[in-house]
C-alpha atoms as a PDB file:
ATOM      1  CA  MET A   1       5.964  -4.536  13.209  1.00  0.00           C
ATOM      2  CA  GLU A   2       4.986  -2.224  10.326  1.00  0.00           C
ATOM      3  CA  LYS A   3       4.933  -5.164   7.918  1.00  0.00           C
ATOM      4  CA  ALA A   4       2.745  -7.217  10.296  1.00  0.00           C
ATOM      5  CA  VAL A   5       0.239  -4.364  10.644  1.00  0.00           C
ATOM      6  CA  ARG A   6       0.145  -3.830   6.858  1.00  0.00           C
ATOM      7  CA  GLU A   7      -0.362  -7.565   6.268  1.00  0.00           C
ATOM      8  CA  PHE A   8      -3.201  -7.663   8.812  1.00  0.00           C
ATOM      9  CA  LEU A   9      -4.979  -4.557   7.519  1.00  0.00           C
ATOM     10  CA  PHE A  10      -4.698  -5.260   3.812  1.00  0.00           C
ATOM     11  CA  ARG A  11      -4.918  -9.060   3.767  1.00  0.00           C
ATOM     12  CA  ASP A  12      -6.548 -10.232   0.486  1.00  0.00           C
ATOM     13  CA  MET A  13      -6.308  -6.738  -1.065  1.00  0.00           C
ATOM     14  CA  ASN A  14      -4.213  -5.991  -4.142  1.00  0.00           C
ATOM     15  CA  GLY A  15      -1.779  -3.115  -4.231  1.00  0.00           C
ATOM     16  CA  CYS A  16      -0.728  -1.011  -7.199  1.00  0.00           C
ATOM     17  CA  THR A  17       2.549  -0.631  -9.072  1.00  0.00           C
ATOM     18  CA  ASP A  18       3.572   2.573  -7.295  1.00  0.00           C
ATOM     19  CA  GLY A  19       6.981   2.475  -5.616  1.00  0.00           C
ATOM     20  CA  ASN A  20       5.447   3.473  -2.263  1.00  0.00           C
ATOM     21  CA  CYS A  21       2.131   1.630  -2.402  1.00  0.00           C
ATOM     22  CA  VAL A  22       0.226   1.831   0.882  1.00  0.00           C
ATOM     23  CA  ILE A  23      -1.038  -1.745   0.544  1.00  0.00           C
ATOM     24  CA  SER A  24       1.995  -3.606  -0.762  1.00  0.00           C
ATOM     25  CA  GLY A  25       4.738  -1.397   0.693  1.00  0.00           C
ATOM     26  CA  LYS A  26       7.956  -0.196  -0.886  1.00  0.00           C
ATOM     27  CA  ARG A  27       8.908  -1.928  -4.106  1.00  0.00           C
ATOM     28  CA  SER A  28      12.273  -2.426  -5.650  1.00  0.00           C
ATOM     29  CA  GLY A  29      12.947  -2.831  -9.332  1.00  0.00           C
ATOM     30  CA  MET A  30      10.501  -1.597 -11.941  1.00  0.00           C
ATOM     31  CA  HIS A  31       7.651   0.522 -10.559  1.00  0.00           C
ATOM     32  CA  THR A  32       5.805   3.792 -11.114  1.00  0.00           C
ATOM     33  CA  ASN A  33       6.081   6.976  -9.071  1.00  0.00           C
ATOM     34  CA  GLY A  34       2.701   8.511  -9.816  1.00  0.00           C
ATOM     35  CA  GLY A  35       1.468   8.149  -6.257  1.00  0.00           C
ATOM     36  CA  CYS A  36      -0.547   5.397  -4.651  1.00  0.00           C
ATOM     37  CA  HIS A  37      -4.329   5.741  -4.872  1.00  0.00           C
ATOM     38  CA  CYS A  38      -5.227   2.338  -3.443  1.00  0.00           C
ATOM     39  CA  ILE A  39      -7.069   3.656  -0.372  1.00  0.00           C
ATOM     40  CA  GLN A  40      -8.996   6.198  -2.457  1.00  0.00           C
ATOM     41  CA  ASN A  41      -9.985   3.495  -4.935  1.00  0.00           C
ATOM     42  CA  LEU A  42     -11.280   0.954  -2.396  1.00  0.00           C
ATOM     43  CA  GLY A  43     -14.942   0.032  -2.738  1.00  0.00           C
ATOM     44  CA  ARG A  44     -17.471   0.337   0.066  1.00  0.00           C
ATOM     45  CA  ALA A  45     -17.145  -3.328   1.090  1.00  0.00           C
ATOM     46  CA  GLN A  46     -13.348  -3.108   1.241  1.00  0.00           C
ATOM     47  CA  LEU A  47     -13.554   0.112   3.267  1.00  0.00           C
ATOM     48  CA  ASN A  48     -15.884  -1.600   5.751  1.00  0.00           C
ATOM     49  CA  ILE A  49     -13.445  -4.504   6.075  1.00  0.00           C
ATOM     50  CA  LEU A  50     -10.566  -2.079   6.595  1.00  0.00           C
ATOM     51  CA  ALA A  51     -12.561  -0.161   9.226  1.00  0.00           C
ATOM     52  CA  SER A  52     -13.337  -3.332  11.171  1.00  0.00           C
ATOM     53  CA  ARG A  53      -9.670  -4.367  11.064  1.00  0.00           C
ATOM     54  CA  LEU A  54      -8.660  -0.929  12.349  1.00  0.00           C
ATOM     55  CA  MET A  55     -11.148  -1.306  15.212  1.00  0.00           C
ATOM     56  CA  VAL A  56      -9.528  -4.626  16.168  1.00  0.00           C
ATOM     57  CA  ILE A  57      -6.188  -2.826  16.441  1.00  0.00           C
ATOM     58  CA  ALA A  58      -7.731   0.139  18.283  1.00  0.00           C
ATOM     59  CA  ASP A  59      -9.414  -2.190  20.776  1.00  0.00           C
ATOM     60  CA  LYS A  60      -6.043  -3.949  21.218  1.00  0.00           C
ATOM     61  CA  LYS A  61      -7.528  -7.351  20.458  1.00  0.00           C
ATOM     62  CA  ILE A  62      -4.398  -8.214  18.518  1.00  0.00           C
ATOM     63  CA  ASP A  63      -0.755  -7.888  19.554  1.00  0.00           C
ATOM     64  CA  PHE A  64       1.839  -7.364  16.837  1.00  0.00           C
ATOM     65  CA  ASN A  65       4.758  -7.614  19.254  1.00  0.00           C
ATOM     66  CA  ASP A  66       4.656 -11.413  19.452  1.00  0.00           C
END
């Protein structure tokens, strides 16, 4: 379910190379460990998109248990 939620929230957004990137999830192989700053670096438009997607989940208009 975690992967489905991440894919819904961050669809069409690029993650970073951090090993624990919030957007792309845990990475194996070569990666950095400096900490993910993807959410902090989102622009206003991307933050608005993310907020609307969070509202869809909060209003339970989408079920990830299918």
